[in-house]
C-alpha atoms as a PDB file:
ATOM      1  CA  MET A   1     -91.173 -46.638 -12.047  1.00  0.00           C
ATOM      2  CA  LEU A   2     -89.619 -44.400 -14.683  1.00  0.00           C
ATOM      3  CA  PHE A   3     -90.171 -46.952 -17.485  1.00  0.00           C
ATOM      4  CA  ALA A   4     -93.871 -47.271 -16.607  1.00  0.00           C
ATOM      5  CA  ASN A   5     -94.241 -43.482 -16.684  1.00  0.00           C
ATOM      6  CA  ILE A   6     -92.636 -43.290 -20.122  1.00  0.00           C
ATOM      7  CA  VAL A   7     -94.869 -46.062 -21.490  1.00  0.00           C
ATOM      8  CA  ASN A   8     -98.011 -44.477 -20.016  1.00  0.00           C
ATOM      9  CA  SER A   9     -97.035 -41.019 -21.259  1.00  0.00           C
ATOM     10  CA  ALA A  10     -96.433 -42.267 -24.790  1.00  0.00           C
ATOM     11  CA  GLY A  11     -99.794 -44.044 -24.795  1.00  0.00           C
ATOM     12  CA  VAL A  12    -101.695 -41.057 -23.490  1.00  0.00           C
ATOM     13  CA  PHE A  13     -99.916 -38.781 -25.966  1.00  0.00           C
ATOM     14  CA  LEU A  14    -101.068 -40.961 -28.877  1.00  0.00           C
ATOM     15  CA  ILE A  15    -104.663 -41.155 -27.626  1.00  0.00           C
ATOM     16  CA  LEU A  16    -104.884 -37.410 -27.040  1.00  0.00           C
ATOM     17  CA  SER A  17    -103.205 -36.626 -30.364  1.00  0.00           C
ATOM     18  CA  ALA A  18    -105.781 -38.763 -32.154  1.00  0.00           C
ATOM     19  CA  PHE A  19    -108.565 -37.027 -30.257  1.00  0.00           C
ATOM     20  CA  PHE A  20    -107.259 -33.555 -31.123  1.00  0.00           C
ATOM     21  CA  LEU A  21    -106.918 -34.501 -34.796  1.00  0.00           C
ATOM     22  CA  LEU A  22    -110.516 -35.723 -34.740  1.00  0.00           C
ATOM     23  CA  ILE A  23    -111.806 -32.569 -33.051  1.00  0.00           C
ATOM     24  CA  LEU A  24    -109.891 -30.361 -35.498  1.00  0.00           C
ATOM     25  CA  GLY A  25    -111.445 -32.245 -38.415  1.00  0.00           C
ATOM     26  CA  LYS A  26    -108.109 -33.580 -39.672  1.00  0.00           C
ATOM     27  CA  VAL A  27    -109.256 -37.217 -39.455  1.00  0.00           C
ATOM     28  CA  LYS A  28    -112.550 -39.063 -39.445  1.00  0.00           C
ATOM     29  CA  PRO A  29    -113.524 -41.651 -36.806  1.00  0.00           C
ATOM     30  CA  ASP A  30    -113.085 -44.498 -39.308  1.00  0.00           C
ATOM     31  CA  ASN A  31    -109.661 -43.305 -40.510  1.00  0.00           C
ATOM     32  CA  ARG A  32    -107.041 -46.061 -40.223  1.00  0.00           C
ATOM     33  CA  GLY A  33    -104.454 -43.702 -38.774  1.00  0.00           C
ATOM     34  CA  TYR A  34    -106.886 -42.522 -36.119  1.00  0.00           C
ATOM     35  CA  LEU A  35    -107.796 -46.084 -35.199  1.00  0.00           C
ATOM     36  CA  LEU A  36    -104.153 -47.168 -35.140  1.00  0.00           C
ATOM     37  CA  MET A  37    -103.197 -44.249 -32.902  1.00  0.00           C
ATOM     38  CA  ASN A  38    -105.979 -45.272 -30.523  1.00  0.00           C
ATOM     39  CA  LEU A  39    -104.962 -48.942 -30.629  1.00  0.00           C
ATOM     40  CA  VAL A  40    -101.265 -48.332 -30.014  1.00  0.00           C
ATOM     41  CA  GLY A  41    -101.928 -45.605 -27.457  1.00  0.00           C
ATOM     42  CA  ALA A  42    -104.428 -47.684 -25.532  1.00  0.00           C
ATOM     43  CA  GLY A  43    -102.162 -50.725 -25.716  1.00  0.00           C
ATOM     44  CA  LEU A  44     -99.229 -48.768 -24.317  1.00  0.00           C
ATOM     45  CA  SER A  45    -101.401 -47.228 -21.612  1.00  0.00           C
ATOM     46  CA  ALA A  46    -102.804 -50.640 -20.658  1.00  0.00           C
ATOM     47  CA  TYR A  47     -99.306 -52.077 -20.426  1.00  0.00           C
ATOM     48  CA  GLY A  48     -98.056 -49.110 -18.416  1.00  0.00           C
ATOM     49  CA  SER A  49    -101.032 -49.419 -16.094  1.00  0.00           C
ATOM     50  CA  TRP A  50    -100.273 -53.111 -15.654  1.00  0.00           C
ATOM     51  CA  LEU A  51     -96.700 -52.224 -14.681  1.00  0.00           C
ATOM     52  CA  ILE A  52     -97.934 -50.008 -11.862  1.00  0.00           C
ATOM     53  CA  HIS A  53    -100.716 -52.441 -10.876  1.00  0.00           C
ATOM     54  CA  ALA A  54    -103.533 -50.012 -11.700  1.00  0.00           C
ATOM     55  CA  ILE A  55    -106.029 -52.707 -12.704  1.00  0.00           C
ATOM     56  CA  PRO A  56    -109.032 -50.405 -13.316  1.00  0.00           C
ATOM     57  CA  PHE A  57    -106.961 -48.560 -15.915  1.00  0.00           C
ATOM     58  CA  VAL A  58    -105.797 -51.832 -17.445  1.00  0.00           C
ATOM     59  CA  VAL A  59    -109.476 -52.673 -17.965  1.00  0.00           C
ATOM     60  CA  LEU A  60    -110.257 -49.198 -19.330  1.00  0.00           C
ATOM     61  CA  GLU A  61    -107.341 -49.044 -21.740  1.00  0.00           C
ATOM     62  CA  GLY A  62    -107.656 -52.708 -22.695  1.00  0.00           C
ATOM     63  CA  THR A  63    -111.283 -52.122 -23.619  1.00  0.00           C
ATOM     64  CA  TRP A  64    -110.281 -49.024 -25.584  1.00  0.00           C
ATOM     65  CA  ALA A  65    -107.740 -51.116 -27.509  1.00  0.00           C
ATOM     66  CA  VAL A  66    -110.322 -53.822 -28.269  1.00  0.00           C
ATOM     67  CA  VAL A  67    -112.761 -51.210 -29.576  1.00  0.00           C
ATOM     68  CA  ALA A  68    -110.011 -49.798 -31.810  1.00  0.00           C
ATOM     69  CA  VAL A  69    -109.289 -53.315 -33.142  1.00  0.00           C
ATOM     70  CA  VAL A  70    -112.989 -53.788 -33.923  1.00  0.00           C
ATOM     71  CA  GLY A  71    -113.011 -50.447 -35.743  1.00  0.00           C
ATOM     72  CA  LEU A  72    -109.918 -51.398 -37.743  1.00  0.00           C
ATOM     73  CA  LEU A  73    -111.402 -54.776 -38.681  1.00  0.00           C
ATOM     74  CA  LYS A  74    -114.605 -53.100 -39.824  1.00  0.00           C
ATOM     75  CA  LYS A  75    -112.561 -50.622 -41.877  1.00  0.00           C
ATOM     76  CA  VAL A  76    -110.452 -53.341 -43.479  1.00  0.00           C
ATOM     77  CA  THR A  77    -113.432 -55.524 -44.363  1.00  0.00           C
ATOM     78  CA  SER A  78    -115.461 -52.592 -45.724  1.00  0.00           C
ATOM     79  CA  ASP A  79    -112.600 -51.482 -47.991  1.00  0.00           C
ATOM     80  CA  LYS A  80    -112.663 -54.764 -49.929  1.00  0.00           C
END
């Protein structure tokens, strides 16, 4: 169970760090770093939730990761 806790903690740390940076005005919602922090954080949290069989959180974090991917794709295509 320790590994799952570490994975979940790392994911949540990234998501919350991104949120705090957004609230403090250090990043914008379409910033690549912000979106990447959300993607990696949500991915780690989804995986950690899968490890502990917390399916509702797998769905939540998986959806969060998909939304971050969509945001990144929009950012990449708009920068061209």
